[in-house]
């Protein structure tokens, strides 16, 4: 399994620290879900690595998100939603939601998408 390190918060950014901690927890929960029957190791590893990259992006995020990154986040979210809804690929969808959040850490649909995946995997506490 990939090594997950704690990411320091930006100076004076309590919200960034809280969001990074929350995303570390999401990564841990995705890792647990990835070991459940029915998911291939390659797909699970992709979701875990995307979660780790997402944690780094949250801490390093700039104050504003560019229009290009907003569009990219929308596209990654749409792909994740399609994977979940049409292919029933929860882990693949979660990986795409993480990719969306890497370029726009405040993308509400991607945040909801991760929560939905955790709920579908039976982790209601993580979904909340």
Protein backbone atom coordinates (compact mmCIF):
# COMPACT_ATOMS: atom_id res chain seq x y z
CA UNK A 1 0.00 0.00 0.00
CA UNK A 2 1.20 3.58 -0.64
CA UNK A 3 2.77 5.46 2.21
CA UNK A 4 0.61 8.35 3.45
CA UNK A 5 2.39 11.24 5.10
CA UNK A 6 0.85 14.06 7.07
CA UNK A 7 0.72 17.28 5.08
CA UNK A 8 1.36 20.51 6.94
CA UNK A 9 -1.25 23.22 6.71
CA UNK A 10 -0.48 26.55 5.12
CA UNK A 11 0.45 29.12 7.78
CA UNK A 12 -2.70 30.50 9.37
CA UNK A 13 -5.00 28.30 7.30
CA UNK A 14 -7.04 26.29 9.83
CA UNK A 15 -9.62 25.39 7.19
CA UNK A 16 -6.91 23.90 4.95
CA UNK A 17 -5.60 21.83 7.86
CA UNK A 18 -9.08 20.54 8.65
CA UNK A 19 -9.77 19.69 5.02
CA UNK A 20 -6.40 17.92 4.68
CA UNK A 21 -7.16 15.85 7.80
CA UNK A 22 -10.60 14.99 6.45
CA UNK A 23 -9.13 13.90 3.13
CA UNK A 24 -6.56 11.74 4.90
CA UNK A 25 -9.48 10.00 6.58
CA UNK A 26 -11.20 9.58 3.20
CA UNK A 27 -7.99 8.03 1.86
CA UNK A 28 -7.88 5.60 4.78
CA UNK A 29 -11.51 4.64 4.24
CA UNK A 30 -10.99 4.17 0.51
CA UNK A 31 -8.03 1.94 1.27
CA UNK A 32 -10.24 -0.20 3.53
CA UNK A 33 -12.95 -0.35 0.86
CA UNK A 34 -10.38 -1.25 -1.77
CA UNK A 35 -9.53 -4.45 0.07
CA UNK A 36 -13.13 -5.63 0.01
CA UNK A 37 -14.13 -8.34 -2.49
CA UNK A 38 -14.99 -7.29 -6.02
CA UNK A 39 -12.36 -4.63 -6.70
CA UNK A 40 -9.17 -5.22 -8.61
CA UNK A 41 -5.89 -4.13 -6.98
CA UNK A 42 -5.05 -1.81 -9.90
CA UNK A 43 -8.29 0.11 -9.58
CA UNK A 44 -8.03 0.28 -5.79
CA UNK A 45 -4.43 1.47 -5.98
CA UNK A 46 -5.46 4.21 -8.42
CA UNK A 47 -8.09 5.48 -5.98
CA UNK A 48 -5.66 5.45 -3.06
CA UNK A 49 -2.92 7.23 -5.00
CA UNK A 50 -5.43 9.82 -6.24
CA UNK A 51 -6.51 10.41 -2.65
CA UNK A 52 -2.90 10.99 -1.59
CA UNK A 53 -2.33 13.41 -4.47
CA UNK A 54 -5.54 15.16 -3.52
CA UNK A 55 -4.30 15.70 0.02
CA UNK A 56 -1.16 17.37 -1.31
CA UNK A 57 -3.20 19.55 -3.66
CA UNK A 58 -5.50 20.73 -0.87
CA UNK A 59 -2.60 21.95 1.24
CA UNK A 60 -0.88 23.59 -1.72
CA UNK A 61 -4.07 25.10 -3.18
CA UNK A 62 -4.03 28.75 -4.14
CA UNK A 63 -6.75 31.13 -2.97
CA UNK A 64 -8.42 31.15 -6.37
CA UNK A 65 -9.17 28.41 -8.86
CA UNK A 66 -8.68 29.30 -12.52
CA UNK A 67 -11.49 28.94 -15.05
CA UNK A 68 -9.46 26.24 -16.79
CA UNK A 69 -9.19 24.25 -13.55
CA UNK A 70 -12.89 24.70 -12.86
CA UNK A 71 -13.68 23.21 -16.28
CA UNK A 72 -11.20 20.38 -15.75
CA UNK A 73 -12.73 19.62 -12.33
CA UNK A 74 -16.21 19.58 -13.89
CA UNK A 75 -15.01 17.13 -16.55
CA UNK A 76 -13.31 14.82 -14.02
CA UNK A 77 -16.43 14.90 -11.84
CA UNK A 78 -18.62 14.02 -14.84
CA UNK A 79 -16.37 11.06 -15.64
CA UNK A 80 -16.49 9.91 -12.02
CA UNK A 81 -20.26 10.21 -11.97
CA UNK A 82 -20.51 8.19 -15.19
CA UNK A 83 -18.27 5.47 -13.76
CA UNK A 84 -20.39 5.23 -10.63
CA UNK A 85 -23.82 5.51 -12.27
CA UNK A 86 -23.30 3.64 -15.55
CA UNK A 87 -20.51 1.18 -14.80
CA UNK A 88 -21.10 0.70 -11.05
CA UNK A 89 -17.36 1.30 -10.60
CA UNK A 90 -17.32 2.93 -7.17
CA UNK A 91 -13.55 2.96 -6.71
CA UNK A 92 -12.92 4.25 -10.24
CA UNK A 93 -15.50 6.97 -9.64
CA UNK A 94 -13.87 7.90 -6.33
CA UNK A 95 -10.51 8.22 -8.09
CA UNK A 96 -12.04 10.65 -10.60
CA UNK A 97 -13.69 12.66 -7.82
CA UNK A 98 -10.26 12.94 -6.18
CA UNK A 99 -8.78 14.10 -9.50
CA UNK A 100 -11.51 16.77 -9.73
CA UNK A 101 -10.70 17.94 -6.21
CA UNK A 102 -6.99 18.12 -7.02
CA UNK A 103 -7.61 20.98 -9.45
CA UNK A 104 -10.55 22.53 -7.57
CA UNK A 105 -10.47 21.60 -3.88
CA UNK A 106 -13.86 23.24 -3.31
CA UNK A 107 -15.81 21.40 -6.04
CA UNK A 108 -19.05 20.60 -4.16
CA UNK A 109 -20.23 17.83 -6.49
CA UNK A 110 -16.92 15.97 -6.22
CA UNK A 111 -17.03 16.24 -2.42
CA UNK A 112 -20.56 14.84 -2.48
CA UNK A 113 -19.44 12.14 -4.93
CA UNK A 114 -16.76 10.90 -2.52
CA UNK A 115 -19.31 10.89 0.31
CA UNK A 116 -21.78 8.95 -1.84
CA UNK A 117 -19.17 6.33 -2.71
CA UNK A 118 -18.28 5.87 0.95
CA UNK A 119 -21.98 5.51 1.74
CA UNK A 120 -22.47 2.95 -1.03
CA UNK A 121 -19.52 0.98 0.36
CA UNK A 122 -21.26 0.85 3.73
CA UNK A 123 -19.15 3.50 5.47
CA UNK A 124 -21.95 5.79 6.61
CA UNK A 125 -19.75 7.50 9.20
CA UNK A 126 -17.19 8.36 6.52
CA UNK A 127 -19.91 9.55 4.18
CA UNK A 128 -21.03 12.16 6.69
